[in-house]
Protein backbone atom coordinates (compact mmCIF):
# COMPACT_ATOMS: atom_id res chain seq x y z
CA MET A 1 -68.55 -82.80 -36.21
CA SER A 2 -65.05 -84.28 -35.85
CA GLU A 3 -64.40 -87.83 -34.68
CA PRO A 4 -64.48 -88.28 -30.89
CA LEU A 5 -61.37 -87.97 -28.73
CA SER A 6 -61.37 -91.27 -26.81
CA VAL A 7 -60.02 -91.43 -23.25
CA ALA A 8 -59.70 -94.85 -21.58
CA LEU A 9 -59.78 -94.79 -17.77
CA ASN A 10 -58.64 -97.47 -15.31
CA ARG A 11 -57.56 -99.81 -18.10
CA ASP A 12 -54.29 -101.03 -16.52
CA ARG A 13 -54.53 -99.70 -12.97
CA LEU A 14 -56.60 -97.39 -10.74
CA HIS A 15 -56.76 -93.79 -11.99
CA ASP A 16 -54.87 -94.72 -15.17
CA ILE A 17 -55.43 -92.45 -18.20
CA ASP A 18 -54.88 -93.76 -21.72
CA VAL A 19 -55.28 -91.04 -24.39
CA ARG A 20 -53.44 -90.05 -27.56
CA GLU A 21 -50.89 -87.24 -27.39
CA ARG A 22 -52.27 -85.23 -30.34
CA TYR A 23 -55.74 -84.61 -31.66
CA ALA A 24 -57.05 -82.40 -34.47
CA ALA A 25 -60.60 -81.10 -34.95
CA GLY A 26 -62.16 -79.06 -37.73
CA GLY A 27 -64.87 -77.70 -35.43
CA PRO A 28 -66.89 -78.89 -32.42
CA PHE A 29 -65.94 -82.33 -31.07
CA VAL A 30 -66.65 -84.67 -28.17
CA VAL A 31 -64.44 -86.28 -25.54
CA GLU A 32 -65.50 -89.85 -24.73
CA LEU A 33 -64.53 -90.94 -21.20
CA THR A 34 -64.74 -94.76 -21.02
CA ASN A 35 -64.19 -96.31 -17.58
CA HIS A 36 -62.76 -99.86 -17.54
CA GLY A 37 -62.52 -100.11 -13.73
CA GLU A 38 -63.92 -98.60 -10.52
CA ALA A 39 -66.15 -95.53 -10.62
CA MET A 40 -64.17 -92.28 -10.53
CA HIS A 41 -64.18 -88.51 -10.93
CA VAL A 42 -62.55 -86.95 -14.01
CA HIS A 43 -61.65 -83.28 -14.44
CA LEU A 44 -61.13 -81.74 -17.90
CA HIS A 45 -59.46 -78.37 -18.46
CA LEU A 46 -58.55 -76.29 -21.55
CA ASP A 47 -55.44 -74.12 -21.32
CA ASP A 48 -55.66 -70.40 -22.09
CA ARG A 49 -54.59 -70.77 -25.70
CA LEU A 50 -57.13 -73.50 -26.51
CA SER A 51 -59.83 -71.55 -24.64
CA GLU A 52 -59.55 -68.85 -27.31
CA VAL A 53 -61.39 -71.09 -29.79
CA ALA A 54 -62.93 -73.90 -27.68
CA GLU A 55 -65.25 -74.24 -24.69
CA LEU A 56 -66.16 -77.23 -22.51
CA ALA A 57 -69.79 -77.98 -21.73
CA ALA A 58 -68.69 -79.09 -18.22
CA ASN A 59 -65.35 -79.65 -16.42
CA ASN A 60 -66.08 -82.25 -13.72
CA HIS A 61 -67.53 -85.67 -14.53
CA TYR A 62 -68.36 -88.80 -12.56
CA VAL A 63 -67.92 -91.97 -14.62
CA GLU A 64 -69.44 -95.23 -13.37
CA GLU A 65 -67.67 -98.57 -13.77
CA GLY A 66 -68.03 -99.82 -17.37
CA ASP A 67 -69.76 -96.60 -18.41
CA THR A 68 -68.91 -94.03 -21.13
CA VAL A 69 -69.55 -90.33 -20.62
CA THR A 70 -69.58 -88.01 -23.62
CA VAL A 71 -68.44 -84.40 -23.07
CA GLU A 72 -69.16 -81.82 -25.77
CA VAL A 73 -66.48 -79.29 -26.71
CA GLY A 74 -67.60 -76.31 -28.74
CA ALA A 75 -64.97 -75.02 -31.16
CA ASN A 76 -64.95 -72.09 -33.58
CA PRO A 77 -62.23 -72.55 -36.20
CA ARG A 78 -60.30 -69.51 -37.35
CA SER A 79 -58.57 -68.78 -40.62
CA GLU A 80 -55.39 -70.42 -39.23
CA PRO A 81 -54.99 -73.54 -37.06
CA LEU A 82 -54.58 -73.03 -33.31
CA THR A 83 -53.04 -75.56 -30.91
CA GLY A 84 -53.51 -75.73 -27.15
CA LYS A 85 -53.62 -78.33 -24.38
CA LEU A 86 -56.49 -80.33 -22.96
CA LYS A 87 -55.71 -81.55 -19.43
CA VAL A 88 -57.31 -84.77 -18.14
CA VAL A 89 -57.09 -85.35 -14.36
CA THR A 90 -58.31 -88.41 -12.41
CA GLY A 91 -58.52 -89.22 -8.71
CA TYR A 92 -58.41 -85.55 -7.66
CA GLY A 93 -54.91 -85.12 -9.07
CA ALA A 94 -53.63 -88.70 -8.69
CA GLN A 95 -52.99 -88.90 -12.48
CA THR A 96 -52.76 -86.19 -15.15
CA ALA A 97 -52.47 -86.45 -18.93
CA TYR A 98 -52.18 -83.74 -21.59
CA VAL A 99 -53.42 -83.81 -25.18
CA ASP A 100 -52.20 -81.30 -27.78
CA VAL A 101 -55.47 -80.30 -29.47
CA THR A 102 -55.32 -78.45 -32.79
CA VAL A 103 -58.43 -76.68 -33.99
CA GLU A 104 -57.88 -76.56 -37.71
CA GLU A 105 -59.05 -73.88 -40.11
CA HIS A 106 -62.63 -74.21 -41.20
CA ALA A 107 -63.14 -76.27 -44.37
CA PRO A 108 -66.30 -75.70 -46.42
CA SER A 109 -68.89 -78.35 -45.61
CA LYS A 110 -70.11 -78.54 -49.20
CA SER A 111 -67.99 -78.80 -52.27
CA PRO A 112 -68.60 -76.06 -54.84
CA ILE A 113 -70.85 -76.97 -57.73
CA GLU A 114 -68.89 -77.64 -60.87
CA VAL A 115 -70.30 -76.21 -64.07
CA ASP A 116 -69.36 -77.67 -67.43
CA GLU A 117 -67.61 -75.13 -69.66
CA ASP A 118 -70.02 -75.93 -72.51
CA LEU A 119 -72.87 -74.45 -70.47
CA ALA A 120 -71.12 -71.07 -70.37
CA ARG A 121 -71.15 -70.77 -74.18
CA PRO A 122 -74.33 -69.71 -76.01
CA GLN A 123 -76.00 -72.67 -77.68
CA ARG A 124 -76.81 -72.50 -81.40
CA ARG A 125 -80.46 -73.03 -82.16
CA THR A 126 -81.17 -75.65 -84.77
CA GLN A 127 -84.13 -75.52 -87.14
CA SER A 128 -85.94 -78.28 -85.23
CA THR A 129 -85.43 -76.36 -81.95
CA ARG A 130 -86.92 -73.22 -83.52
CA ASN A 131 -89.89 -75.16 -84.86
CA ARG A 132 -90.56 -76.77 -81.46
CA SER A 133 -90.31 -73.38 -79.79
CA ARG A 134 -92.75 -71.81 -82.26
CA ASN A 135 -95.22 -74.63 -81.87
CA ARG A 136 -95.04 -74.42 -78.07
CA ASN A 137 -95.43 -70.65 -77.99
CA GLY A 138 -97.89 -70.47 -80.91
CA SER A 139 -95.63 -67.84 -82.48
CA GLY A 140 -94.93 -69.66 -85.77
CA LEU A 141 -96.88 -68.95 -88.95
CA ASP A 142 -98.85 -72.18 -88.56
CA GLY A 143 -99.76 -71.24 -85.04
CA LEU A 144 -100.96 -67.80 -86.15
CA ARG A 145 -103.07 -69.23 -88.95
CA GLU A 146 -104.70 -71.70 -86.57
CA GLU A 147 -105.22 -68.98 -83.98
CA TYR A 148 -106.89 -66.57 -86.39
CA ALA A 149 -108.80 -69.09 -88.52
CA GLY A 150 -111.76 -69.05 -86.14
CA GLY A 151 -111.75 -65.24 -85.99
CA THR A 152 -111.66 -64.94 -89.78
CA LEU A 153 -114.67 -67.22 -90.16
CA ALA A 154 -116.61 -65.21 -87.57
CA VAL A 155 -115.83 -61.90 -89.28
CA ALA A 156 -116.75 -63.36 -92.68
CA GLY A 157 -120.05 -64.67 -91.30
CA VAL A 158 -120.96 -61.31 -89.77
CA GLY A 159 -119.95 -59.58 -93.02
CA VAL A 160 -122.16 -61.85 -95.14
CA LEU A 161 -125.13 -61.22 -92.82
CA LEU A 162 -124.57 -57.45 -93.04
CA LEU A 163 -124.26 -57.69 -96.81
CA LEU A 164 -127.53 -59.62 -97.09
CA ALA A 165 -129.27 -57.17 -94.77
CA LEU A 166 -128.06 -54.20 -96.83
CA LEU A 167 -129.11 -55.86 -100.08
CA GLY A 168 -132.53 -56.47 -98.56
CA VAL A 169 -132.76 -52.81 -97.52
CA GLY A 170 -131.51 -51.82 -101.01
CA LEU A 171 -134.30 -53.74 -102.68
CA VAL A 172 -136.89 -52.01 -100.51
CA VAL A 173 -135.41 -48.51 -100.46
CA ASP A 174 -133.70 -48.52 -103.89
CA GLY A 175 -131.09 -45.85 -103.35
CA ALA A 176 -127.49 -44.91 -104.04
CA LEU A 177 -126.76 -44.72 -100.30
CA VAL A 178 -127.34 -48.46 -99.96
CA LEU A 179 -124.85 -49.20 -102.76
CA VAL A 180 -122.17 -47.09 -100.99
CA ALA A 181 -122.83 -48.96 -97.73
CA VAL A 182 -122.55 -52.32 -99.49
CA GLY A 183 -119.23 -51.24 -101.04
CA MET A 184 -117.88 -50.19 -97.62
CA VAL A 185 -118.84 -53.51 -96.05
CA VAL A 186 -117.23 -55.49 -98.87
CA GLY A 187 -114.06 -53.35 -98.63
CA ALA A 188 -113.87 -53.82 -94.85
CA LEU A 189 -114.24 -57.57 -95.27
CA LEU A 190 -111.42 -57.69 -97.81
CA VAL A 191 -109.08 -55.62 -95.58
CA ALA A 192 -109.85 -57.78 -92.54
CA ALA A 193 -109.21 -60.98 -94.47
CA ALA A 194 -105.89 -59.64 -95.84
CA VAL A 195 -104.66 -58.63 -92.37
CA MET A 196 -105.60 -61.94 -90.77
CA LEU A 197 -104.06 -64.09 -93.48
CA ARG A 198 -100.71 -62.31 -93.54
């Protein structure tokens, strides 16, 4: 919101109006009516041109002695500034003052975020960055070895148990079929170990 437009009433004499001649706002603003003397009625009016972009919350106001009344003025800035007149009347027409009010074009409330040009260029990955990334993701060779070490031991354990069971069966049965089965188990164990240790 823009700074208030201050209007001093009854400062020098009854019904006196002391206000600046020009005022600019970048959007909604308030008119502050400060009474320095006897209680009085104040009328505010926007001319046709100013009414295109601004609107008063209320036109007629009663201001007590020593009191300040705040009047809201809604304003919708356009792409170009617009100037019109605000009329201030006291004592039912005893005194009148005009203020040239310019509603300026809307300025963005937030400044755009500035981005350093270096951030727009792709960053080169250093060896230490790659190593950190691999360790975090577990995608480096060390990570794979650690990940599969437990699996390799489990497969080897199961393979040894199968091998011992087949040898036990071979001693009891004594046949060529048992030797073929033992060869297949040993071959499968070797293939599994080679794949996991790659």
